[in-house]
C-alpha atoms as a PDB file:
ATOM      1  CA  MET A   1     -12.571  11.306 -20.111  1.00  0.00           C
ATOM      2  CA  GLY A   2      -9.520   9.556 -20.623  1.00  0.00           C
ATOM      3  CA  LYS A   3      -8.042   7.772 -17.499  1.00  0.00           C
ATOM      4  CA  MET A   4      -4.393   8.121 -16.518  1.00  0.00           C
ATOM      5  CA  MET A   5      -2.619   4.748 -15.352  1.00  0.00           C
ATOM      6  CA  ARG A   6       0.690   4.852 -13.722  1.00  0.00           C
ATOM      7  CA  PHE A   7       3.008   1.561 -13.836  1.00  0.00           C
ATOM      8  CA  GLY A   8       5.897   2.665 -12.280  1.00  0.00           C
ATOM      9  CA  PRO A   9       7.672   5.715 -11.469  1.00  0.00           C
ATOM     10  CA  MET A  10       9.395   5.966 -15.224  1.00  0.00           C
ATOM     11  CA  PHE A  11       6.316   6.956 -16.878  1.00  0.00           C
ATOM     12  CA  LYS A  12       2.363   7.245 -17.161  1.00  0.00           C
ATOM     13  CA  VAL A  13       0.504   6.281 -20.396  1.00  0.00           C
ATOM     14  CA  GLY A  14      -3.166   7.220 -20.752  1.00  0.00           C
ATOM     15  CA  CYS A  15      -5.946   5.776 -22.951  1.00  0.00           C
ATOM     16  CA  VAL A  16      -8.508   7.654 -25.356  1.00  0.00           C
ATOM     17  CA  LEU A  17     -12.026   6.492 -24.408  1.00  0.00           C
ATOM     18  CA  GLU A  18     -15.385   7.148 -26.010  1.00  0.00           C
ATOM     19  CA  ILE A  19     -18.609   6.510 -25.508  1.00  0.00           C
ATOM     20  CA  SER A  20     -19.661   6.655 -28.888  1.00  0.00           C
ATOM     21  CA  ALA A  21     -18.157   6.997 -31.887  1.00  0.00           C
ATOM     22  CA  LYS A  22     -20.322  10.312 -32.641  1.00  0.00           C
ATOM     23  CA  TYR A  23     -17.795  12.542 -30.224  1.00  0.00           C
ATOM     24  CA  LEU A  24     -14.459  10.239 -30.343  1.00  0.00           C
ATOM     25  CA  ASP A  25     -12.689  13.456 -31.786  1.00  0.00           C
ATOM     26  CA  SER A  26     -13.818  15.571 -28.663  1.00  0.00           C
ATOM     27  CA  LEU A  27     -11.815  13.414 -26.586  1.00  0.00           C
ATOM     28  CA  PRO A  28      -7.950  13.952 -25.294  1.00  0.00           C
ATOM     29  CA  THR A  29      -5.663  11.867 -26.177  1.00  0.00           C
ATOM     30  CA  ARG A  30      -2.431  11.190 -24.025  1.00  0.00           C
ATOM     31  CA  LYS A  31       0.758   9.747 -25.192  1.00  0.00           C
ATOM     32  CA  TYR A  32       3.311   6.902 -24.259  1.00  0.00           C
ATOM     33  CA  LYS A  33       6.774   8.706 -24.324  1.00  0.00           C
ATOM     34  CA  ASN A  34       9.942   6.107 -23.984  1.00  0.00           C
ATOM     35  CA  LYS A  35      13.579   8.032 -23.540  1.00  0.00           C
ATOM     36  CA  LEU A  36      15.364   4.748 -25.038  1.00  0.00           C
ATOM     37  CA  GLN A  37      16.585   5.572 -28.528  1.00  0.00           C
ATOM     38  CA  ASN A  38      15.882   4.146 -32.046  1.00  0.00           C
ATOM     39  CA  SER A  39      16.923   4.132 -35.588  1.00  0.00           C
ATOM     40  CA  PHE A  40      14.686   3.042 -38.332  1.00  0.00           C
ATOM     41  CA  SER A  41      14.209   2.654 -42.019  1.00  0.00           C
ATOM     42  CA  PHE A  42      10.923   2.836 -42.604  1.00  0.00           C
ATOM     43  CA  SER A  43       9.215   6.347 -43.609  1.00  0.00           C
ATOM     44  CA  PRO A  44       8.320   8.846 -40.921  1.00  0.00           C
ATOM     45  CA  CYS A  45       4.960   7.561 -38.989  1.00  0.00           C
ATOM     46  CA  ARG A  46       5.902   9.272 -35.597  1.00  0.00           C
ATOM     47  CA  MET A  47       4.694  11.899 -33.395  1.00  0.00           C
ATOM     48  CA  SER A  48       5.757  15.236 -33.678  1.00  0.00           C
ATOM     49  CA  SER A  49       7.906  14.639 -29.830  1.00  0.00           C
ATOM     50  CA  SER A  50       8.639  10.807 -30.894  1.00  0.00           C
ATOM     51  CA  ALA A  51      11.801   9.429 -32.283  1.00  0.00           C
ATOM     52  CA  HIS A  52      10.466   6.005 -32.690  1.00  0.00           C
ATOM     53  CA  PRO A  53       7.370   4.358 -34.682  1.00  0.00           C
ATOM     54  CA  VAL A  54       4.107   4.763 -33.140  1.00  0.00           C
ATOM     55  CA  ALA A  55       1.288   1.909 -32.690  1.00  0.00           C
ATOM     56  CA  ALA A  56      -2.230   2.676 -31.844  1.00  0.00           C
ATOM     57  CA  VAL A  57      -3.820  -0.234 -30.007  1.00  0.00           C
ATOM     58  CA  CYS A  58      -7.712  -0.097 -30.506  1.00  0.00           C
ATOM     59  CA  GLN A  59     -10.468  -1.477 -27.973  1.00  0.00           C
ATOM     60  CA  VAL A  60     -14.166  -1.506 -29.412  1.00  0.00           C
ATOM     61  CA  THR A  61     -17.838  -2.848 -28.806  1.00  0.00           C
ATOM     62  CA  ALA A  62     -19.019  -4.516 -31.860  1.00  0.00           C
ATOM     63  CA  THR A  63     -22.449  -5.457 -32.398  1.00  0.00           C
ATOM     64  CA  PRO A  64     -24.177  -7.422 -35.706  1.00  0.00           C
ATOM     65  CA  ASP A  65     -24.525  -4.000 -37.129  1.00  0.00           C
ATOM     66  CA  LYS A  66     -21.574  -4.168 -39.719  1.00  0.00           C
ATOM     67  CA  GLU A  67     -22.349  -0.323 -40.728  1.00  0.00           C
ATOM     68  CA  ALA A  68     -21.998   1.059 -36.975  1.00  0.00           C
ATOM     69  CA  ASN A  69     -19.398  -0.966 -36.550  1.00  0.00           C
ATOM     70  CA  PHE A  70     -16.939   0.339 -39.831  1.00  0.00           C
ATOM     71  CA  SER A  71     -18.236   3.872 -38.941  1.00  0.00           C
ATOM     72  CA  ALA A  72     -16.718   3.933 -34.915  1.00  0.00           C
ATOM     73  CA  CYS A  73     -13.736   1.709 -36.114  1.00  0.00           C
ATOM     74  CA  LYS A  74     -12.569   3.988 -39.392  1.00  0.00           C
ATOM     75  CA  GLN A  75     -12.631   7.423 -36.789  1.00  0.00           C
ATOM     76  CA  LEU A  76     -10.397   5.240 -34.553  1.00  0.00           C
ATOM     77  CA  VAL A  77      -8.020   4.623 -37.398  1.00  0.00           C
ATOM     78  CA  GLU A  78      -8.780   8.249 -38.214  1.00  0.00           C
ATOM     79  CA  LYS A  79      -7.705   9.555 -34.967  1.00  0.00           C
ATOM     80  CA  ALA A  80      -4.891   7.253 -34.476  1.00  0.00           C
ATOM     81  CA  LYS A  81      -3.528   8.596 -38.049  1.00  0.00           C
ATOM     82  CA  GLN A  82      -3.825  12.594 -36.596  1.00  0.00           C
ATOM     83  CA  GLN A  83      -2.010  11.169 -33.461  1.00  0.00           C
ATOM     84  CA  GLY A  84       0.825   9.985 -35.793  1.00  0.00           C
ATOM     85  CA  ALA A  85       0.411   6.384 -35.470  1.00  0.00           C
ATOM     86  CA  CYS A  86       1.415   4.224 -38.326  1.00  0.00           C
ATOM     87  CA  MET A  87      -0.040   1.381 -37.398  1.00  0.00           C
ATOM     88  CA  VAL A  88      -3.485   0.773 -35.893  1.00  0.00           C
ATOM     89  CA  PHE A  89      -4.528  -2.690 -34.377  1.00  0.00           C
ATOM     90  CA  LEU A  90      -8.221  -3.480 -34.278  1.00  0.00           C
ATOM     91  CA  PRO A  91      -9.627  -6.509 -32.132  1.00  0.00           C
ATOM     92  CA  GLU A  92     -11.240  -9.952 -32.986  1.00  0.00           C
ATOM     93  CA  GLY A  93     -14.565  -9.601 -34.715  1.00  0.00           C
ATOM     94  CA  PHE A  94     -13.850  -5.596 -35.434  1.00  0.00           C
ATOM     95  CA  ASP A  95     -16.280  -6.332 -38.342  1.00  0.00           C
ATOM     96  CA  TYR A  96     -19.231  -7.637 -36.123  1.00  0.00           C
ATOM     97  CA  ILE A  97     -20.228  -9.912 -33.326  1.00  0.00           C
ATOM     98  CA  GLY A  98     -23.281 -12.048 -33.885  1.00  0.00           C
ATOM     99  CA  SER A  99     -25.721 -12.991 -31.762  1.00  0.00           C
ATOM    100  CA  SER A 100     -26.063 -16.590 -33.248  1.00  0.00           C
ATOM    101  CA  ARG A 101     -24.444 -19.031 -35.384  1.00  0.00           C
ATOM    102  CA  GLU A 102     -26.804 -18.417 -38.067  1.00  0.00           C
ATOM    103  CA  GLU A 103     -26.158 -14.258 -38.154  1.00  0.00           C
ATOM    104  CA  THR A 104     -22.601 -14.658 -37.724  1.00  0.00           C
ATOM    105  CA  LEU A 105     -22.313 -17.362 -41.016  1.00  0.00           C
ATOM    106  CA  ALA A 106     -24.834 -15.066 -42.619  1.00  0.00           C
ATOM    107  CA  LEU A 107     -22.926 -11.887 -42.255  1.00  0.00           C
ATOM    108  CA  SER A 108     -19.612 -13.301 -42.933  1.00  0.00           C
ATOM    109  CA  GLU A 109     -17.787 -11.893 -46.471  1.00  0.00           C
ATOM    110  CA  SER A 110     -15.042 -13.181 -48.362  1.00  0.00           C
ATOM    111  CA  LEU A 111     -11.487 -11.399 -48.660  1.00  0.00           C
ATOM    112  CA  GLU A 112     -12.814  -9.606 -51.798  1.00  0.00           C
ATOM    113  CA  GLY A 113     -16.023  -8.608 -50.030  1.00  0.00           C
ATOM    114  CA  ASP A 114     -17.287  -5.636 -49.236  1.00  0.00           C
ATOM    115  CA  ILE A 115     -15.697  -4.827 -45.541  1.00  0.00           C
ATOM    116  CA  MET A 116     -12.336  -5.783 -47.117  1.00  0.00           C
ATOM    117  CA  SER A 117     -12.823  -3.588 -49.305  1.00  0.00           C
ATOM    118  CA  ARG A 118     -14.039  -0.219 -47.229  1.00  0.00           C
ATOM    119  CA  TYR A 119     -10.605  -1.246 -45.165  1.00  0.00           C
ATOM    120  CA  THR A 120      -7.868  -1.476 -47.674  1.00  0.00           C
ATOM    121  CA  HIS A 121      -9.431   2.060 -49.328  1.00  0.00           C
ATOM    122  CA  LEU A 122      -9.264   3.361 -45.747  1.00  0.00           C
ATOM    123  CA  SER A 123      -5.668   2.314 -45.024  1.00  0.00           C
ATOM    124  CA  ARG A 124      -4.406   3.629 -48.701  1.00  0.00           C
ATOM    125  CA  LYS A 125      -6.102   7.141 -47.961  1.00  0.00           C
ATOM    126  CA  LEU A 126      -4.779   7.489 -44.778  1.00  0.00           C
ATOM    127  CA  GLU A 127      -1.343   5.955 -45.746  1.00  0.00           C
ATOM    128  CA  VAL A 128      -1.692   3.789 -42.579  1.00  0.00           C
ATOM    129  CA  TRP A 129      -0.890   0.295 -41.799  1.00  0.00           C
ATOM    130  CA  LEU A 130      -3.976  -2.224 -40.281  1.00  0.00           C
ATOM    131  CA  SER A 131      -4.015  -5.267 -38.038  1.00  0.00           C
ATOM    132  CA  LEU A 132      -7.743  -6.469 -38.299  1.00  0.00           C
ATOM    133  CA  GLY A 133      -7.803  -9.720 -36.201  1.00  0.00           C
ATOM    134  CA  GLY A 134     -10.674 -11.754 -36.526  1.00  0.00           C
ATOM    135  CA  PHE A 135     -12.597 -11.127 -39.881  1.00  0.00           C
ATOM    136  CA  HIS A 136     -15.072 -13.655 -40.195  1.00  0.00           C
ATOM    137  CA  GLU A 137     -13.700 -14.647 -43.924  1.00  0.00           C
ATOM    138  CA  ARG A 138     -15.976 -17.166 -46.044  1.00  0.00           C
ATOM    139  CA  GLY A 139     -14.229 -20.852 -46.033  1.00  0.00           C
ATOM    140  CA  ARG A 140     -13.363 -22.067 -49.735  1.00  0.00           C
ATOM    141  CA  ASP A 141     -16.294 -24.328 -50.153  1.00  0.00           C
ATOM    142  CA  TRP A 142     -18.425 -22.239 -48.609  1.00  0.00           C
ATOM    143  CA  GLU A 143     -21.763 -22.947 -50.620  1.00  0.00           C
ATOM    144  CA  SER A 144     -21.502 -26.613 -49.648  1.00  0.00           C
ATOM    145  CA  GLU A 145     -19.866 -26.400 -45.939  1.00  0.00           C
ATOM    146  CA  ARG A 146     -21.205 -22.842 -44.668  1.00  0.00           C
ATOM    147  CA  ARG A 147     -17.943 -22.498 -42.578  1.00  0.00           C
ATOM    148  CA  ILE A 148     -15.673 -19.856 -42.046  1.00  0.00           C
ATOM    149  CA  TYR A 149     -12.151 -18.802 -40.798  1.00  0.00           C
ATOM    150  CA  ASN A 150     -11.255 -16.208 -38.211  1.00  0.00           C
ATOM    151  CA  SER A 151      -9.207 -14.007 -39.843  1.00  0.00           C
ATOM    152  CA  HIS A 152      -6.275 -12.207 -38.827  1.00  0.00           C
ATOM    153  CA  VAL A 153      -5.402  -9.454 -41.912  1.00  0.00           C
ATOM    154  CA  ILE A 154      -2.322  -7.307 -42.924  1.00  0.00           C
ATOM    155  CA  ILE A 155      -3.216  -4.636 -44.947  1.00  0.00           C
ATOM    156  CA  ASN A 156      -0.158  -1.884 -45.729  1.00  0.00           C
ATOM    157  CA  ASP A 157       0.021   1.327 -46.230  1.00  0.00           C
ATOM    158  CA  LYS A 158      -1.051   1.217 -49.987  1.00  0.00           C
ATOM    159  CA  GLY A 159      -4.049  -0.830 -49.270  1.00  0.00           C
ATOM    160  CA  ASP A 160      -2.882  -4.067 -50.397  1.00  0.00           C
ATOM    161  CA  ILE A 161      -3.166  -7.380 -48.345  1.00  0.00           C
ATOM    162  CA  VAL A 162       0.357  -8.581 -46.971  1.00  0.00           C
ATOM    163  CA  SER A 163      -0.691 -11.532 -45.005  1.00  0.00           C
ATOM    164  CA  VAL A 164      -3.788 -13.539 -43.645  1.00  0.00           C
ATOM    165  CA  TYR A 165      -3.270 -15.956 -40.782  1.00  0.00           C
ATOM    166  CA  ARG A 166      -6.063 -18.215 -39.934  1.00  0.00           C
ATOM    167  CA  LYS A 167      -6.791 -18.766 -36.072  1.00  0.00           C
ATOM    168  CA  SER A 168      -5.562 -22.180 -35.400  1.00  0.00           C
ATOM    169  CA  HIS A 169      -6.564 -23.013 -31.745  1.00  0.00           C
ATOM    170  CA  LEU A 170     -10.341 -22.652 -31.655  1.00  0.00           C
ATOM    171  CA  PHE A 171     -12.366 -21.588 -28.559  1.00  0.00           C
ATOM    172  CA  ASP A 172     -14.518 -24.797 -27.371  1.00  0.00           C
ATOM    173  CA  VAL A 173     -15.116 -24.295 -23.676  1.00  0.00           C
ATOM    174  CA  GLU A 174     -17.895 -24.972 -21.255  1.00  0.00           C
ATOM    175  CA  LEU A 175     -17.512 -22.894 -17.493  1.00  0.00           C
ATOM    176  CA  PRO A 176     -20.959 -23.564 -16.392  1.00  0.00           C
ATOM    177  CA  GLU A 177     -19.961 -21.766 -13.067  1.00  0.00           C
ATOM    178  CA  LYS A 178     -18.457 -18.842 -14.903  1.00  0.00           C
ATOM    179  CA  GLY A 179     -21.377 -18.979 -17.432  1.00  0.00           C
ATOM    180  CA  VAL A 180     -19.010 -19.523 -20.284  1.00  0.00           C
ATOM    181  CA  SER A 181     -20.452 -21.597 -23.029  1.00  0.00           C
ATOM    182  CA  LEU A 182     -18.717 -21.475 -26.237  1.00  0.00           C
ATOM    183  CA  LYS A 183     -18.100 -23.876 -29.307  1.00  0.00           C
ATOM    184  CA  GLU A 184     -15.983 -22.054 -32.041  1.00  0.00           C
ATOM    185  CA  SER A 185     -15.459 -25.217 -34.450  1.00  0.00           C
ATOM    186  CA  ALA A 186     -19.030 -25.106 -34.659  1.00  0.00           C
ATOM    187  CA  PHE A 187     -19.133 -23.131 -37.780  1.00  0.00           C
ATOM    188  CA  THR A 188     -15.150 -22.188 -37.955  1.00  0.00           C
ATOM    189  CA  ILE A 189     -12.302 -23.741 -39.204  1.00  0.00           C
ATOM    190  CA  PRO A 190      -8.679 -24.010 -38.033  1.00  0.00           C
ATOM    191  CA  GLY A 191      -6.222 -22.442 -39.889  1.00  0.00           C
ATOM    192  CA  PRO A 192      -3.887 -24.891 -41.224  1.00  0.00           C
ATOM    193  CA  SER A 193      -0.352 -23.231 -40.342  1.00  0.00           C
ATOM    194  CA  LEU A 194       1.343 -20.554 -38.863  1.00  0.00           C
ATOM    195  CA  LEU A 195       2.944 -17.279 -40.878  1.00  0.00           C
ATOM    196  CA  PRO A 196       6.012 -15.742 -41.101  1.00  0.00           C
ATOM    197  CA  PRO A 197       6.298 -12.521 -39.113  1.00  0.00           C
ATOM    198  CA  VAL A 198       5.596  -9.483 -41.317  1.00  0.00           C
ATOM    199  CA  GLN A 199       8.174  -6.446 -41.634  1.00  0.00           C
ATOM    200  CA  THR A 200       6.015  -3.535 -41.067  1.00  0.00           C
ATOM    201  CA  PRO A 201       7.040   0.321 -39.764  1.00  0.00           C
ATOM    202  CA  ILE A 202       6.908  -0.641 -36.455  1.00  0.00           C
ATOM    203  CA  GLY A 203       8.848  -3.563 -36.695  1.00  0.00           C
ATOM    204  CA  LYS A 204       8.181  -7.455 -37.226  1.00  0.00           C
ATOM    205  CA  VAL A 205       4.678  -8.591 -36.242  1.00  0.00           C
ATOM    206  CA  GLY A 206       3.532 -12.046 -35.406  1.00  0.00           C
ATOM    207  CA  LEU A 207       0.178 -12.763 -36.081  1.00  0.00           C
ATOM    208  CA  GLY A 208      -1.839 -14.691 -33.559  1.00  0.00           C
ATOM    209  CA  ILE A 209      -5.500 -14.119 -32.527  1.00  0.00           C
ATOM    210  CA  CYS A 210      -7.229 -14.317 -28.863  1.00  0.00           C
ATOM    211  CA  TYR A 211      -7.369 -18.274 -27.749  1.00  0.00           C
ATOM    212  CA  ASP A 212      -3.781 -18.784 -29.450  1.00  0.00           C
ATOM    213  CA  LEU A 213      -2.457 -16.356 -26.560  1.00  0.00           C
ATOM    214  CA  ARG A 214      -2.816 -19.837 -23.989  1.00  0.00           C
ATOM    215  CA  PHE A 215      -0.569 -21.531 -26.115  1.00  0.00           C
ATOM    216  CA  PRO A 216       3.239 -20.586 -25.680  1.00  0.00           C
ATOM    217  CA  GLU A 217       4.505 -22.950 -28.669  1.00  0.00           C
ATOM    218  CA  LEU A 218       2.763 -20.784 -31.389  1.00  0.00           C
ATOM    219  CA  SER A 219       4.577 -17.525 -29.859  1.00  0.00           C
ATOM    220  CA  LEU A 220       7.907 -19.144 -29.034  1.00  0.00           C
ATOM    221  CA  ALA A 221       8.097 -20.193 -32.703  1.00  0.00           C
ATOM    222  CA  LEU A 222       7.242 -16.447 -34.065  1.00  0.00           C
ATOM    223  CA  ARG A 223      10.036 -15.344 -31.820  1.00  0.00           C
ATOM    224  CA  ARG A 224      12.225 -17.824 -33.702  1.00  0.00           C
ATOM    225  CA  HIS A 225      11.358 -16.722 -36.720  1.00  0.00           C
ATOM    226  CA  GLY A 226      12.329 -13.192 -36.155  1.00  0.00           C
ATOM    227  CA  ALA A 227       9.130 -11.517 -34.501  1.00  0.00           C
ATOM    228  CA  GLU A 228      10.151  -8.462 -32.195  1.00  0.00           C
ATOM    229  CA  ILE A 229       6.406  -7.604 -31.634  1.00  0.00           C
ATOM    230  CA  LEU A 230       3.595 -10.005 -30.679  1.00  0.00           C
ATOM    231  CA  THR A 231      -0.159  -9.338 -31.513  1.00  0.00           C
ATOM    232  CA  TYR A 232      -3.237 -11.035 -30.323  1.00  0.00           C
ATOM    233  CA  PRO A 233      -6.310  -9.128 -31.395  1.00  0.00           C
ATOM    234  CA  SER A 234      -9.230 -10.534 -28.900  1.00  0.00           C
ATOM    235  CA  ALA A 235     -12.816 -10.627 -27.681  1.00  0.00           C
ATOM    236  CA  PHE A 236     -11.672 -12.558 -24.094  1.00  0.00           C
ATOM    237  CA  THR A 237     -14.883 -13.394 -21.905  1.00  0.00           C
ATOM    238  CA  VAL A 238     -15.338 -11.226 -18.984  1.00  0.00           C
ATOM    239  CA  ALA A 239     -14.864 -14.443 -16.643  1.00  0.00           C
ATOM    240  CA  THR A 240     -11.520 -15.647 -18.557  1.00  0.00           C
ATOM    241  CA  GLY A 241     -10.390 -12.417 -18.943  1.00  0.00           C
ATOM    242  CA  THR A 242     -10.484 -11.346 -15.241  1.00  0.00           C
ATOM    243  CA  ALA A 243      -8.737 -13.911 -14.370  1.00  0.00           C
ATOM    244  CA  HIS A 244      -6.324 -14.908 -17.750  1.00  0.00           C
ATOM    245  CA  TRP A 245      -5.761 -11.763 -19.978  1.00  0.00           C
ATOM    246  CA  GLU A 246      -3.071  -9.856 -18.468  1.00  0.00           C
ATOM    247  CA  VAL A 247      -0.854 -12.090 -17.110  1.00  0.00           C
ATOM    248  CA  LEU A 248      -1.062 -14.274 -20.121  1.00  0.00           C
ATOM    249  CA  LEU A 249       0.062 -11.300 -22.234  1.00  0.00           C
ATOM    250  CA  ARG A 250       2.704 -10.504 -19.472  1.00  0.00           C
ATOM    251  CA  ALA A 251       3.860 -14.233 -20.160  1.00  0.00           C
ATOM    252  CA  ARG A 252       4.071 -13.929 -23.717  1.00  0.00           C
ATOM    253  CA  ALA A 253       5.776 -10.913 -23.954  1.00  0.00           C
ATOM    254  CA  ILE A 254       8.838 -12.118 -20.922  1.00  0.00           C
ATOM    255  CA  GLU A 255       9.157 -15.686 -22.850  1.00  0.00           C
ATOM    256  CA  THR A 256       9.824 -14.295 -26.237  1.00  0.00           C
ATOM    257  CA  GLN A 257      11.395 -10.847 -25.309  1.00  0.00           C
ATOM    258  CA  CYS A 258       8.437  -9.302 -27.353  1.00  0.00           C
ATOM    259  CA  PHE A 259       6.342  -5.853 -27.456  1.00  0.00           C
ATOM    260  CA  VAL A 260       2.811  -7.836 -27.366  1.00  0.00           C
ATOM    261  CA  LEU A 261       0.035  -5.744 -28.550  1.00  0.00           C
ATOM    262  CA  ALA A 262      -3.693  -7.038 -27.953  1.00  0.00           C
ATOM    263  CA  ALA A 263      -6.544  -5.136 -29.000  1.00  0.00           C
ATOM    264  CA  ALA A 264      -9.700  -6.199 -27.532  1.00  0.00           C
ATOM    265  CA  GLN A 265     -13.365  -6.046 -27.823  1.00  0.00           C
ATOM    266  CA  VAL A 266     -15.170  -4.443 -24.610  1.00  0.00           C
ATOM    267  CA  SER A 267     -18.377  -4.222 -22.749  1.00  0.00           C
ATOM    268  CA  ARG A 268     -21.761  -5.509 -23.801  1.00  0.00           C
ATOM    269  CA  HIS A 269     -22.493  -6.659 -28.100  1.00  0.00           C
ATOM    270  CA  HIS A 270     -25.667  -8.154 -27.765  1.00  0.00           C
ATOM    271  CA  GLU A 271     -28.475  -9.436 -24.729  1.00  0.00           C
ATOM    272  CA  LYS A 272     -26.322 -12.826 -25.107  1.00  0.00           C
ATOM    273  CA  ARG A 273     -22.303 -11.455 -25.244  1.00  0.00           C
ATOM    274  CA  SER A 274     -20.620  -9.187 -23.408  1.00  0.00           C
ATOM    275  CA  SER A 275     -16.343  -8.769 -23.481  1.00  0.00           C
ATOM    276  CA  TYR A 276     -13.713  -8.085 -20.823  1.00  0.00           C
ATOM    277  CA  GLY A 277     -11.932  -5.115 -22.946  1.00  0.00           C
ATOM    278  CA  HIS A 278      -8.480  -3.854 -21.060  1.00  0.00           C
ATOM    279  CA  ALA A 279      -6.969  -3.782 -24.399  1.00  0.00           C
ATOM    280  CA  LEU A 280      -3.208  -3.701 -23.391  1.00  0.00           C
ATOM    281  CA  ALA A 281       0.303  -3.150 -24.773  1.00  0.00           C
ATOM    282  CA  VAL A 282       3.382  -4.944 -22.834  1.00  0.00           C
ATOM    283  CA  ASP A 283       7.149  -4.240 -23.422  1.00  0.00           C
ATOM    284  CA  PRO A 284       9.747  -7.047 -23.446  1.00  0.00           C
ATOM    285  CA  TRP A 285      10.320  -7.007 -20.026  1.00  0.00           C
ATOM    286  CA  GLY A 286       6.935  -7.559 -19.422  1.00  0.00           C
ATOM    287  CA  GLU A 287       5.773  -4.299 -18.162  1.00  0.00           C
ATOM    288  CA  VAL A 288       2.277  -2.889 -18.676  1.00  0.00           C
ATOM    289  CA  LEU A 289       2.690   0.361 -20.963  1.00  0.00           C
ATOM    290  CA  GLY A 290      -0.824   0.474 -21.881  1.00  0.00           C
ATOM    291  CA  ASP A 291      -4.521  -0.289 -20.701  1.00  0.00           C
ATOM    292  CA  CYS A 292      -7.782   1.037 -22.474  1.00  0.00           C
ATOM    293  CA  GLY A 293      -9.811  -0.241 -19.165  1.00  0.00           C
ATOM    294  CA  GLY A 294     -12.605  -2.258 -19.060  1.00  0.00           C
ATOM    295  CA  GLU A 295     -15.606  -0.666 -20.322  1.00  0.00           C
ATOM    296  CA  ASN A 296     -15.747   1.722 -23.123  1.00  0.00           C
ATOM    297  CA  PRO A 297     -14.041   1.874 -26.825  1.00  0.00           C
ATOM    298  CA  GLY A 298     -10.724   3.934 -27.009  1.00  0.00           C
ATOM    299  CA  MET A 299      -7.274   3.089 -28.167  1.00  0.00           C
ATOM    300  CA  VAL A 300      -4.146   3.321 -26.171  1.00  0.00           C
ATOM    301  CA  LEU A 301      -0.853   5.122 -28.446  1.00  0.00           C
ATOM    302  CA  VAL A 302       2.455   3.377 -27.834  1.00  0.00           C
ATOM    303  CA  GLU A 303       6.240   4.210 -29.328  1.00  0.00           C
ATOM    304  CA  ILE A 304       7.954   1.004 -30.124  1.00  0.00           C
ATOM    305  CA  ASP A 305      11.496   1.052 -29.081  1.00  0.00           C
ATOM    306  CA  LEU A 306      13.246  -1.893 -30.842  1.00  0.00           C
ATOM    307  CA  GLU A 307      16.319  -1.001 -28.864  1.00  0.00           C
ATOM    308  CA  ARG A 308      14.351  -1.991 -26.621  1.00  0.00           C
ATOM    309  CA  VAL A 309      13.815  -5.823 -27.715  1.00  0.00           C
ATOM    310  CA  SER A 310      17.831  -5.459 -28.109  1.00  0.00           C
ATOM    311  CA  SER A 311      18.860  -4.886 -25.174  1.00  0.00           C
ATOM    312  CA  THR A 312      16.437  -6.682 -23.860  1.00  0.00           C
ATOM    313  CA  ARG A 313      17.435 -10.319 -25.209  1.00  0.00           C
ATOM    314  CA  LYS A 314      21.389  -9.471 -25.025  1.00  0.00           C
ATOM    315  CA  ASN A 315      21.221  -9.031 -21.635  1.00  0.00           C
ATOM    316  CA  MET A 316      18.914 -11.939 -21.023  1.00  0.00           C
ATOM    317  CA  PRO A 317      19.956 -14.278 -23.888  1.00  0.00           C
ATOM    318  CA  VAL A 318      17.076 -17.026 -23.415  1.00  0.00           C
ATOM    319  CA  GLN A 319      16.892 -18.011 -26.366  1.00  0.00           C
ATOM    320  CA  GLN A 320      20.804 -18.659 -26.534  1.00  0.00           C
ATOM    321  CA  HIS A 321      19.984 -20.634 -23.478  1.00  0.00           C
ATOM    322  CA  ARG A 322      17.124 -23.029 -24.619  1.00  0.00           C
ATOM    323  CA  ARG A 323      18.578 -26.846 -25.167  1.00  0.00           C
ATOM    324  CA  ASP A 324      17.915 -28.723 -28.411  1.00  0.00           C
ATOM    325  CA  THR A 325      14.400 -29.667 -29.251  1.00  0.00           C
ATOM    326  CA  GLY A 326      15.125 -33.210 -28.392  1.00  0.00           C
ATOM    327  CA  PHE A 327      15.931 -32.271 -24.716  1.00  0.00           C
ATOM    328  CA  TYR A 328      12.332 -31.237 -23.984  1.00  0.00           C
ATOM    329  CA  HIS A 329      11.263 -34.450 -25.653  1.00  0.00           C
ATOM    330  CA  SER A 330      13.549 -36.603 -23.453  1.00  0.00           C
ATOM    331  CA  LEU A 331      10.670 -37.333 -21.025  1.00  0.00           C
ATOM    332  CA  GLU A 332       9.094 -39.039 -23.770  1.00  0.00           C
ATOM    333  CA  GLN A 333      11.442 -41.572 -24.348  1.00  0.00           C
ATOM    334  CA  THR A 334      11.665 -42.917 -20.760  1.00  0.00           C
END
């Protein structure tokens, strides 16, 4: 059953959960409903009772089985579309999560490969935008170097790839007391640059991936270039997620005055790895709109009211109050 969660007296929000993809369609969906109004120029992609475009933030449990992963994600995307979503967000490692460096590399593909072809076909068929965060993309010198990018791919409702952001901050962390030991740089190439926010039916979306969440410089740069929504598809460890996940997402929302949408991996992927879950949606005030919990796959549907972004920024014009870049580097000159 979907678990109902309360975040203050003004609204309630629920998450569609699933134990297995086979009975996803039998599960109930509850929708976040916001009374603020907003006009939008894209074609309608709203729930019947909604005045605002709808995003679906998904939570999955990927394994090394690429076929099973695609089947589960496809059903989530189809369910989201049926419920009125015009953009669906899948997490880092949506294609697979390997159990070793060798398996991770062996399963990787190029952007022209089978997995991405399936998703472009799916988006075109359903006429839905997709955020595919954390695709294992083979590097340009794959044959000689055998290294990959961790790539966040945006596909429009015509099946076109419109943006590919490659993760710039790699997760090389040793936390022996927490049982965490990962070195992403052992097989992953850091991305060369940030990308401009992408204009989508729900607003201008700024792209990050997982560990990028810990670097406010990235989110502030995206905000300066027009982002209204930030997205951090992730596969947080249980230890780091328990301590930092929600507070980091809320901090990024508060400091940029953006919506933050963070699809997530959840539960046990294989004998070596589990993820924290809690796919989250946060509004520009830092209030949590939806949380998918820490146990099962599912999704949360969120109405994106861009008037909430505008009013938050108007009432507290943080960006205008920032000093010039030199001011923040003045300590380095003394």
